[in-house]
Amino acid sequence: QIPVLKKYLTATIHFSSIDLCKFKRGFLH
């Protein structure tokens, strides 16, 4: 999601990302 958010958001925002692959393994098994 980060690329589109960086393109749209205009405020000073730091991004912290959730690795989708790790999430799928850890939460959705």
PDB file of all heavy atoms in Angstrom:
ATOM      1  N   GLN A   1       0.810  -1.216   0.000  1.00  0.00           N
ATOM      2  CA  GLN A   1       0.000   0.000   0.000  1.00  0.00           C
ATOM      3  C   GLN A   1       0.850   1.277   0.000  1.00  0.00           C
ATOM      4  O   GLN A   1       0.366   2.354  -0.359  1.00  0.00           O
ATOM      5  CB  GLN A   1      -0.916   0.016   1.237  1.00  0.00           C
ATOM      6  CG  GLN A   1      -1.913  -1.125   1.255  1.00  0.00           C
ATOM      7  CD  GLN A   1      -2.588  -1.276   2.608  1.00  0.00           C
ATOM      8  OE1 GLN A   1      -1.990  -1.031   3.653  1.00  0.00           O
ATOM      9  NE2 GLN A   1      -3.847  -1.695   2.594  1.00  0.00           N
ATOM     10  N   ILE A   2       2.100   1.159   0.393  1.00  0.00           N
ATOM     11  CA  ILE A   2       2.946   2.333   0.569  1.00  0.00           C
ATOM     12  C   ILE A   2       3.126   3.171  -0.696  1.00  0.00           C
ATOM     13  O   ILE A   2       3.003   4.399  -0.630  1.00  0.00           O
ATOM     14  CB  ILE A   2       4.308   1.945   1.190  1.00  0.00           C
ATOM     15  CG1 ILE A   2       4.088   1.529   2.647  1.00  0.00           C
ATOM     16  CG2 ILE A   2       5.309   3.096   1.118  1.00  0.00           C
ATOM     17  CD1 ILE A   2       5.344   1.050   3.356  1.00  0.00           C
ATOM     18  N   PRO A   3       3.403   2.592  -1.867  1.00  0.00           N
ATOM     19  CA  PRO A   3       3.626   3.454  -3.041  1.00  0.00           C
ATOM     20  C   PRO A   3       2.476   4.417  -3.337  1.00  0.00           C
ATOM     21  O   PRO A   3       2.711   5.604  -3.584  1.00  0.00           O
ATOM     22  CB  PRO A   3       3.840   2.458  -4.187  1.00  0.00           C
ATOM     23  CG  PRO A   3       4.393   1.239  -3.503  1.00  0.00           C
ATOM     24  CD  PRO A   3       3.672   1.172  -2.183  1.00  0.00           C
ATOM     25  N   VAL A   4       1.236   3.939  -3.291  1.00  0.00           N
ATOM     26  CA  VAL A   4       0.114   4.830  -3.594  1.00  0.00           C
ATOM     27  C   VAL A   4      -0.078   5.856  -2.480  1.00  0.00           C
ATOM     28  O   VAL A   4      -0.417   7.015  -2.743  1.00  0.00           O
ATOM     29  CB  VAL A   4      -1.190   4.045  -3.878  1.00  0.00           C
ATOM     30  CG1 VAL A   4      -1.783   3.451  -2.624  1.00  0.00           C
ATOM     31  CG2 VAL A   4      -2.202   4.935  -4.565  1.00  0.00           C
ATOM     32  N   LEU A   5       0.166   5.476  -1.240  1.00  0.00           N
ATOM     33  CA  LEU A   5       0.024   6.428  -0.131  1.00  0.00           C
ATOM     34  C   LEU A   5       1.089   7.515  -0.204  1.00  0.00           C
ATOM     35  O   LEU A   5       0.798   8.696   0.023  1.00  0.00           O
ATOM     36  CB  LEU A   5       0.078   5.695   1.208  1.00  0.00           C
ATOM     37  CG  LEU A   5      -1.153   4.832   1.505  1.00  0.00           C
ATOM     38  CD1 LEU A   5      -0.906   3.939   2.703  1.00  0.00           C
ATOM     39  CD2 LEU A   5      -2.386   5.694   1.694  1.00  0.00           C
ATOM     40  N   LYS A   6       2.312   7.149  -0.550  1.00  0.00           N
ATOM     41  CA  LYS A   6       3.371   8.154  -0.701  1.00  0.00           C
ATOM     42  C   LYS A   6       3.044   9.131  -1.827  1.00  0.00           C
ATOM     43  O   LYS A   6       3.341  10.319  -1.739  1.00  0.00           O
ATOM     44  CB  LYS A   6       4.720   7.486  -0.973  1.00  0.00           C
ATOM     45  CG  LYS A   6       5.371   6.930   0.266  1.00  0.00           C
ATOM     46  CD  LYS A   6       6.768   6.420  -0.037  1.00  0.00           C
ATOM     47  CE  LYS A   6       7.471   6.013   1.249  1.00  0.00           C
ATOM     48  NZ  LYS A   6       8.823   5.521   0.985  1.00  0.00           N
ATOM     49  N   LYS A   7       2.416   8.623  -2.843  1.00  0.00           N
ATOM     50  CA  LYS A   7       2.047   9.445  -3.992  1.00  0.00           C
ATOM     51  C   LYS A   7       0.918  10.420  -3.636  1.00  0.00           C
ATOM     52  O   LYS A   7       0.893  11.551  -4.119  1.00  0.00           O
ATOM     53  CB  LYS A   7       1.611   8.522  -5.135  1.00  0.00           C
ATOM     54  CG  LYS A   7       1.377   9.163  -6.451  1.00  0.00           C
ATOM     55  CD  LYS A   7       1.125   8.064  -7.479  1.00  0.00           C
ATOM     56  CE  LYS A   7       0.619   8.618  -8.781  1.00  0.00           C
ATOM     57  NZ  LYS A   7       0.344   7.550  -9.740  1.00  0.00           N
ATOM     58  N   TYR A   8       0.003   9.997  -2.767  1.00  0.00           N
ATOM     59  CA  TYR A   8      -1.172  10.811  -2.444  1.00  0.00           C
ATOM     60  C   TYR A   8      -0.977  11.740  -1.243  1.00  0.00           C
ATOM     61  O   TYR A   8      -1.374  12.908  -1.286  1.00  0.00           O
ATOM     62  CB  TYR A   8      -2.385   9.906  -2.181  1.00  0.00           C
ATOM     63  CG  TYR A   8      -3.542  10.655  -1.592  1.00  0.00           C
ATOM     64  CD1 TYR A   8      -4.260  11.575  -2.357  1.00  0.00           C
ATOM     65  CD2 TYR A   8      -3.914  10.481  -0.270  1.00  0.00           C
ATOM     66  CE1 TYR A   8      -5.308  12.300  -1.813  1.00  0.00           C
ATOM     67  CE2 TYR A   8      -4.968  11.199   0.285  1.00  0.00           C
ATOM     68  CZ  TYR A   8      -5.659  12.097  -0.495  1.00  0.00           C
ATOM     69  OH  TYR A   8      -6.690  12.815   0.058  1.00  0.00           O
ATOM     70  N   LEU A   9      -0.387  11.249  -0.175  1.00  0.00           N
ATOM     71  CA  LEU A   9      -0.323  12.015   1.073  1.00  0.00           C
ATOM     72  C   LEU A   9       0.629  13.191   0.967  1.00  0.00           C
ATOM     73  O   LEU A   9       1.719  13.082   0.411  1.00  0.00           O
ATOM     74  CB  LEU A   9       0.075  11.094   2.229  1.00  0.00           C
ATOM     75  CG  LEU A   9      -0.901   9.943   2.488  1.00  0.00           C
ATOM     76  CD1 LEU A   9      -0.336   8.965   3.498  1.00  0.00           C
ATOM     77  CD2 LEU A   9      -2.252  10.473   2.933  1.00  0.00           C
ATOM     78  N   THR A  10       0.212  14.316   1.527  1.00  0.00           N
ATOM     79  CA  THR A  10       0.997  15.546   1.427  1.00  0.00           C
ATOM     80  C   THR A  10       1.622  15.969   2.748  1.00  0.00           C
ATOM     81  O   THR A  10       2.479  16.840   2.769  1.00  0.00           O
ATOM     82  CB  THR A  10       0.109  16.701   0.919  1.00  0.00           C
ATOM     83  OG1 THR A  10      -1.014  16.832   1.797  1.00  0.00           O
ATOM     84  CG2 THR A  10      -0.380  16.429  -0.492  1.00  0.00           C
ATOM     85  N   ALA A  11       1.198  15.376   3.851  1.00  0.00           N
ATOM     86  CA  ALA A  11       1.743  15.713   5.164  1.00  0.00           C
ATOM     87  C   ALA A  11       3.084  15.008   5.368  1.00  0.00           C
ATOM     88  O   ALA A  11       3.469  14.119   4.606  1.00  0.00           O
ATOM     89  CB  ALA A  11       0.763  15.298   6.264  1.00  0.00           C
ATOM     90  N   THR A  12       3.786  15.416   6.410  1.00  0.00           N
ATOM     91  CA  THR A  12       5.043  14.762   6.771  1.00  0.00           C
ATOM     92  C   THR A  12       4.696  13.480   7.510  1.00  0.00           C
ATOM     93  O   THR A  12       4.299  13.503   8.684  1.00  0.00           O
ATOM     94  CB  THR A  12       5.897  15.685   7.666  1.00  0.00           C
ATOM     95  OG1 THR A  12       6.101  16.920   6.972  1.00  0.00           O
ATOM     96  CG2 THR A  12       7.231  15.036   7.992  1.00  0.00           C
ATOM     97  N   ILE A  13       4.814  12.365   6.798  1.00  0.00           N
ATOM     98  CA  ILE A  13       4.400  11.075   7.345  1.00  0.00           C
ATOM     99  C   ILE A  13       5.524  10.065   7.187  1.00  0.00           C
ATOM    100  O   ILE A  13       6.110   9.917   6.110  1.00  0.00           O
ATOM    101  CB  ILE A  13       3.135  10.555   6.639  1.00  0.00           C
ATOM    102  CG1 ILE A  13       1.957  11.498   6.912  1.00  0.00           C
ATOM    103  CG2 ILE A  13       2.794   9.135   7.079  1.00  0.00           C
ATOM    104  CD1 ILE A  13       0.678  11.130   6.212  1.00  0.00           C
ATOM    105  N   HIS A  14       5.806   9.374   8.283  1.00  0.00           N
ATOM    106  CA  HIS A  14       6.738   8.257   8.265  1.00  0.00           C
ATOM    107  C   HIS A  14       5.887   6.996   8.107  1.00  0.00           C
ATOM    108  O   HIS A  14       4.834   6.866   8.722  1.00  0.00           O
ATOM    109  CB  HIS A  14       7.545   8.200   9.569  1.00  0.00           C
ATOM    110  CG  HIS A  14       8.397   6.984   9.680  1.00  0.00           C
ATOM    111  ND1 HIS A  14       9.549   6.820   8.953  1.00  0.00           N
ATOM    112  CD2 HIS A  14       8.243   5.856  10.412  1.00  0.00           C
ATOM    113  CE1 HIS A  14      10.072   5.644   9.247  1.00  0.00           C
ATOM    114  NE2 HIS A  14       9.293   5.048  10.123  1.00  0.00           N
ATOM    115  N   PHE A  15       6.361   6.076   7.283  1.00  0.00           N
ATOM    116  CA  PHE A  15       5.611   4.841   7.040  1.00  0.00           C
ATOM    117  C   PHE A  15       6.261   3.674   7.763  1.00  0.00           C
ATOM    118  O   PHE A  15       7.477   3.506   7.712  1.00  0.00           O
ATOM    119  CB  PHE A  15       5.562   4.533   5.541  1.00  0.00           C
ATOM    120  CG  PHE A  15       4.734   5.511   4.768  1.00  0.00           C
ATOM    121  CD1 PHE A  15       5.305   6.659   4.248  1.00  0.00           C
ATOM    122  CD2 PHE A  15       3.382   5.304   4.585  1.00  0.00           C
ATOM    123  CE1 PHE A  15       4.550   7.580   3.541  1.00  0.00           C
ATOM    124  CE2 PHE A  15       2.613   6.216   3.886  1.00  0.00           C
ATOM    125  CZ  PHE A  15       3.201   7.352   3.359  1.00  0.00           C
ATOM    126  N   SER A  16       5.432   2.883   8.410  1.00  0.00           N
ATOM    127  CA  SER A  16       5.857   1.616   8.990  1.00  0.00           C
ATOM    128  C   SER A  16       5.057   0.547   8.269  1.00  0.00           C
ATOM    129  O   SER A  16       3.823   0.643   8.189  1.00  0.00           O
ATOM    130  CB  SER A  16       5.558   1.564  10.488  1.00  0.00           C
ATOM    131  OG  SER A  16       6.290   2.555  11.162  1.00  0.00           O
ATOM    132  N   SER A  17       5.751  -0.437   7.724  1.00  0.00           N
ATOM    133  CA  SER A  17       5.040  -1.409   6.901  1.00  0.00           C
ATOM    134  C   SER A  17       4.916  -2.770   7.565  1.00  0.00           C
ATOM    135  O   SER A  17       5.764  -3.185   8.358  1.00  0.00           O
ATOM    136  CB  SER A  17       5.718  -1.562   5.540  1.00  0.00           C
ATOM    137  OG  SER A  17       6.975  -2.158   5.678  1.00  0.00           O
ATOM    138  N   ILE A  18       3.835  -3.430   7.216  1.00  0.00           N
ATOM    139  CA  ILE A  18       3.578  -4.810   7.613  1.00  0.00           C
ATOM    140  C   ILE A  18       3.917  -5.657   6.399  1.00  0.00           C
ATOM    141  O   ILE A  18       3.365  -5.442   5.309  1.00  0.00           O
ATOM    142  CB  ILE A  18       2.095  -5.012   7.981  1.00  0.00           C
ATOM    143  CG1 ILE A  18       1.675  -4.047   9.083  1.00  0.00           C
ATOM    144  CG2 ILE A  18       1.834  -6.458   8.377  1.00  0.00           C
ATOM    145  CD1 ILE A  18       0.165  -3.946   9.260  1.00  0.00           C
ATOM    146  N   ASP A  19       4.824  -6.595   6.570  1.00  0.00           N
ATOM    147  CA  ASP A  19       5.188  -7.496   5.482  1.00  0.00           C
ATOM    148  C   ASP A  19       4.015  -8.443   5.232  1.00  0.00           C
ATOM    149  O   ASP A  19       3.644  -9.225   6.102  1.00  0.00           O
ATOM    150  CB  ASP A  19       6.448  -8.267   5.865  1.00  0.00           C
ATOM    151  CG  ASP A  19       6.923  -9.170   4.757  1.00  0.00           C
ATOM    152  OD1 ASP A  19       6.183 -10.126   4.408  1.00  0.00           O
ATOM    153  OD2 ASP A  19       8.041  -8.960   4.257  1.00  0.00           O
ATOM    154  N   LEU A  20       3.425  -8.369   4.042  1.00  0.00           N
ATOM    155  CA  LEU A  20       2.239  -9.157   3.730  1.00  0.00           C
ATOM    156  C   LEU A  20       2.515 -10.657   3.823  1.00  0.00           C
ATOM    157  O   LEU A  20       1.691 -11.402   4.351  1.00  0.00           O
ATOM    158  CB  LEU A  20       1.704  -8.800   2.343  1.00  0.00           C
ATOM    159  CG  LEU A  20       0.400  -9.495   1.947  1.00  0.00           C
ATOM    160  CD1 LEU A  20      -0.752  -9.022   2.822  1.00  0.00           C
ATOM    161  CD2 LEU A  20       0.089  -9.252   0.492  1.00  0.00           C
ATOM    162  N   CYS A  21       3.664 -11.104   3.348  1.00  0.00           N
ATOM    163  CA  CYS A  21       3.981 -12.536   3.385  1.00  0.00           C
ATOM    164  C   CYS A  21       4.084 -13.039   4.826  1.00  0.00           C
ATOM    165  O   CYS A  21       3.548 -14.101   5.158  1.00  0.00           O
ATOM    166  CB  CYS A  21       5.273 -12.821   2.623  1.00  0.00           C
ATOM    167  SG  CYS A  21       5.115 -12.545   0.851  1.00  0.00           S
ATOM    168  N   LYS A  22       4.756 -12.270   5.671  1.00  0.00           N
ATOM    169  CA  LYS A  22       4.869 -12.661   7.079  1.00  0.00           C
ATOM    170  C   LYS A  22       3.507 -12.646   7.761  1.00  0.00           C
ATOM    171  O   LYS A  22       3.199 -13.500   8.580  1.00  0.00           O
ATOM    172  CB  LYS A  22       5.832 -11.734   7.820  1.00  0.00           C
ATOM    173  CG  LYS A  22       7.274 -11.938   7.445  1.00  0.00           C
ATOM    174  CD  LYS A  22       8.177 -10.996   8.233  1.00  0.00           C
ATOM    175  CE  LYS A  22       9.624 -11.152   7.827  1.00  0.00           C
ATOM    176  NZ  LYS A  22      10.491 -10.196   8.539  1.00  0.00           N
ATOM    177  N   PHE A  23       2.691 -11.667   7.417  1.00  0.00           N
ATOM    178  CA  PHE A  23       1.349 -11.591   7.992  1.00  0.00           C
ATOM    179  C   PHE A  23       0.534 -12.822   7.607  1.00  0.00           C
ATOM    180  O   PHE A  23      -0.140 -13.418   8.449  1.00  0.00           O
ATOM    181  CB  PHE A  23       0.634 -10.324   7.531  1.00  0.00           C
ATOM    182  CG  PHE A  23      -0.814 -10.303   7.915  1.00  0.00           C
ATOM    183  CD1 PHE A  23      -1.192 -10.009   9.208  1.00  0.00           C
ATOM    184  CD2 PHE A  23      -1.789 -10.623   6.980  1.00  0.00           C
ATOM    185  CE1 PHE A  23      -2.532 -10.025   9.578  1.00  0.00           C
ATOM    186  CE2 PHE A  23      -3.115 -10.642   7.338  1.00  0.00           C
ATOM    187  CZ  PHE A  23      -3.490 -10.343   8.634  1.00  0.00           C
ATOM    188  N   LYS A  24       0.574 -13.193   6.333  1.00  0.00           N
ATOM    189  CA  LYS A  24      -0.205 -14.347   5.879  1.00  0.00           C
ATOM    190  C   LYS A  24       0.225 -15.623   6.597  1.00  0.00           C
ATOM    191  O   LYS A  24      -0.615 -16.426   6.973  1.00  0.00           O
ATOM    192  CB  LYS A  24      -0.070 -14.506   4.361  1.00  0.00           C
ATOM    193  CG  LYS A  24      -0.871 -13.476   3.603  1.00  0.00           C
ATOM    194  CD  LYS A  24      -0.612 -13.417   2.115  1.00  0.00           C
ATOM    195  CE  LYS A  24      -0.467 -14.700   1.397  1.00  0.00           C
ATOM    196  NZ  LYS A  24      -0.290 -14.550  -0.051  1.00  0.00           N
ATOM    197  N   ARG A  25       1.542 -15.778   6.798  1.00  0.00           N
ATOM    198  CA  ARG A  25       2.030 -16.970   7.511  1.00  0.00           C
ATOM    199  C   ARG A  25       1.650 -16.931   8.987  1.00  0.00           C
ATOM    200  O   ARG A  25       1.188 -17.911   9.551  1.00  0.00           O
ATOM    201  CB  ARG A  25       3.542 -17.091   7.370  1.00  0.00           C
ATOM    202  CG  ARG A  25       4.002 -17.627   6.026  1.00  0.00           C
ATOM    203  CD  ARG A  25       5.475 -18.004   6.028  1.00  0.00           C
ATOM    204  NE  ARG A  25       6.352 -16.929   6.464  1.00  0.00           N
ATOM    205  CZ  ARG A  25       6.918 -16.036   5.669  1.00  0.00           C
ATOM    206  NH1 ARG A  25       6.701 -16.084   4.376  1.00  0.00           N
ATOM    207  NH2 ARG A  25       7.712 -15.103   6.158  1.00  0.00           N
ATOM    208  N   GLY A  26       1.842 -15.776   9.630  1.00  0.00           N
ATOM    209  CA  GLY A  26       1.648 -15.678  11.062  1.00  0.00           C
ATOM    210  C   GLY A  26       0.206 -15.570  11.527  1.00  0.00           C
ATOM    211  O   GLY A  26      -0.162 -16.101  12.557  1.00  0.00           O
ATOM    212  N   PHE A  27      -0.631 -14.863  10.756  1.00  0.00           N
ATOM    213  CA  PHE A  27      -2.010 -14.635  11.189  1.00  0.00           C
ATOM    214  C   PHE A  27      -3.013 -15.506  10.463  1.00  0.00           C
ATOM    215  O   PHE A  27      -4.001 -15.939  11.043  1.00  0.00           O
ATOM    216  CB  PHE A  27      -2.385 -13.164  10.995  1.00  0.00           C
ATOM    217  CG  PHE A  27      -1.974 -12.283  12.118  1.00  0.00           C
ATOM    218  CD1 PHE A  27      -0.665 -11.844  12.217  1.00  0.00           C
ATOM    219  CD2 PHE A  27      -2.871 -11.893  13.082  1.00  0.00           C
ATOM    220  CE1 PHE A  27      -0.265 -11.030  13.265  1.00  0.00           C
ATOM    221  CE2 PHE A  27      -2.483 -11.074  14.138  1.00  0.00           C
ATOM    222  CZ  PHE A  27      -1.175 -10.647  14.230  1.00  0.00           C
ATOM    223  N   LEU A  28      -2.807 -15.726   9.178  1.00  0.00           N
ATOM    224  CA  LEU A  28      -3.766 -16.501   8.403  1.00  0.00           C
ATOM    225  C   LEU A  28      -3.312 -17.939   8.194  1.00  0.00           C
ATOM    226  O   LEU A  28      -4.028 -18.732   7.602  1.00  0.00           O
ATOM    227  CB  LEU A  28      -3.997 -15.821   7.035  1.00  0.00           C
ATOM    228  CG  LEU A  28      -4.490 -14.372   7.090  1.00  0.00           C
ATOM    229  CD1 LEU A  28      -4.628 -13.805   5.698  1.00  0.00           C
ATOM    230  CD2 LEU A  28      -5.775 -14.252   7.877  1.00  0.00           C
ATOM    231  N   HIS A  29      -2.111 -18.235   8.659  1.00  0.00           N
ATOM    232  CA  HIS A  29      -1.529 -19.587   8.574  1.00  0.00           C
ATOM    233  C   HIS A  29      -1.504 -20.110   7.140  1.00  0.00           C
ATOM    234  O   HIS A  29      -1.816 -21.251   6.870  1.00  0.00           O
ATOM    235  CB  HIS A  29      -2.258 -20.553   9.499  1.00  0.00           C
ATOM    236  CG  HIS A  29      -2.370 -20.020  10.897  1.00  0.00           C
ATOM    237  ND1 HIS A  29      -1.282 -19.824  11.704  1.00  0.00           N
ATOM    238  CD2 HIS A  29      -3.440 -19.582  11.602  1.00  0.00           C
ATOM    239  CE1 HIS A  29      -1.672 -19.320  12.852  1.00  0.00           C
ATOM    240  NE2 HIS A  29      -2.967 -19.151  12.826  1.00  0.00           N
TER     241      HIS A  29
END
